[in-house]
Amino acid sequence: MSLHEFDALIDRMQLAFEYAANLGQYSEAAKILYQMNDHLPDDLQLSLEELENESSVRPFISEYQYKIRSAIVEYRQRLMNF
């Protein structure tokens, strides 16, 4: 995947994540984090825990949102170095 393709994909997903989170649709926002993680190379993918119930969604987002963004930045840097 090229840097341009990756950026376009992540931008769309980021907008969807922010939209869902701002509307209080935390389950949808968590699903988007899973999708973002799936688009990272295997060595950068986080081992995400399964969401057991609705009450665990907000803590999940708080914990993994920053980690996924950091992995995205690292992957972008790799793509820029090619």
Protein backbone atom coordinates (compact mmCIF):
# COMPACT_ATOMS: atom_id res chain seq x y z
CA MET A 1 0.00 0.00 0.00
CA SER A 2 1.36 3.42 -0.89
CA LEU A 3 1.62 6.28 1.58
CA HIS A 4 -1.14 8.14 -0.26
CA GLU A 5 -3.49 5.14 -0.15
CA PHE A 6 -2.76 4.53 3.53
CA ASP A 7 -3.32 8.20 4.41
CA ALA A 8 -6.64 8.28 2.54
CA LEU A 9 -7.82 5.11 4.28
CA ILE A 10 -6.77 6.25 7.75
CA ASP A 11 -8.26 9.72 7.21
CA ARG A 12 -11.65 8.19 6.38
CA MET A 13 -11.47 5.89 9.36
CA GLN A 14 -10.37 8.72 11.66
CA LEU A 15 -13.33 10.83 10.59
CA ALA A 16 -15.69 7.90 11.15
CA PHE A 17 -14.14 7.27 14.58
CA GLU A 18 -14.48 10.92 15.65
CA TYR A 19 -18.04 11.09 14.33
CA ALA A 20 -19.07 7.96 16.24
CA ALA A 21 -17.30 9.03 19.43
CA ASN A 22 -18.78 12.53 19.31
CA LEU A 23 -22.27 11.06 18.94
CA GLY A 24 -21.70 8.74 21.88
CA GLN A 25 -21.69 5.65 19.67
CA TYR A 26 -18.76 4.10 21.47
CA SER A 27 -19.35 0.56 20.20
CA GLU A 28 -19.08 1.82 16.61
CA ALA A 29 -15.98 3.84 17.50
CA ALA A 30 -14.36 0.73 19.00
CA LYS A 31 -15.12 -1.25 15.82
CA ILE A 32 -13.32 1.42 13.81
CA LEU A 33 -10.26 1.13 16.07
CA TYR A 34 -10.25 -2.62 15.36
CA GLN A 35 -10.39 -1.88 11.61
CA MET A 36 -7.56 0.65 11.83
CA ASN A 37 -5.45 -1.89 13.67
CA ASP A 38 -6.18 -4.52 11.00
CA HIS A 39 -4.74 -2.26 8.29
CA LEU A 40 -1.37 -2.01 10.01
CA PRO A 41 1.43 -4.45 9.19
CA ASP A 42 1.54 -7.52 11.41
CA ASP A 43 4.56 -6.33 13.37
CA LEU A 44 2.78 -3.09 14.33
CA GLN A 45 -0.67 -4.50 15.07
CA LEU A 46 -1.73 -4.32 18.67
CA SER A 47 -3.08 -7.36 20.41
CA LEU A 48 -6.52 -5.97 21.14
CA GLU A 49 -8.69 -7.58 23.75
CA GLU A 50 -12.21 -8.66 22.98
CA LEU A 51 -14.92 -6.38 24.27
CA GLU A 52 -16.96 -8.38 26.72
CA ASN A 53 -19.77 -5.95 27.37
CA GLU A 54 -20.98 -2.43 26.71
CA SER A 55 -19.48 -1.04 29.92
CA SER A 56 -15.96 -1.95 28.79
CA VAL A 57 -16.15 0.02 25.54
CA ARG A 58 -15.21 3.48 26.83
CA PRO A 59 -12.17 2.26 28.81
CA PHE A 60 -11.12 0.26 25.72
CA ILE A 61 -11.24 3.40 23.56
CA SER A 62 -9.32 5.41 26.16
CA GLU A 63 -6.61 2.77 26.36
CA TYR A 64 -6.13 1.93 22.70
CA GLN A 65 -6.87 5.12 20.77
CA TYR A 66 -3.45 6.64 21.49
CA LYS A 67 -1.60 3.35 20.94
CA ILE A 68 -3.18 2.84 17.53
CA ARG A 69 -2.44 6.42 16.51
CA SER A 70 1.20 5.91 17.52
CA ALA A 71 1.41 2.74 15.43
CA ILE A 72 -0.13 4.60 12.48
CA VAL A 73 2.51 7.33 12.76
CA GLU A 74 5.26 4.72 12.86
CA TYR A 75 3.89 2.98 9.76
CA ARG A 76 3.59 6.30 7.91
CA GLN A 77 7.27 6.95 8.65
CA ARG A 78 8.16 3.56 7.20
CA LEU A 79 6.18 4.29 4.05
CA MET A 80 7.84 7.70 3.67
CA ASN A 81 11.29 6.07 3.83
CA PHE A 82 10.58 3.83 0.84
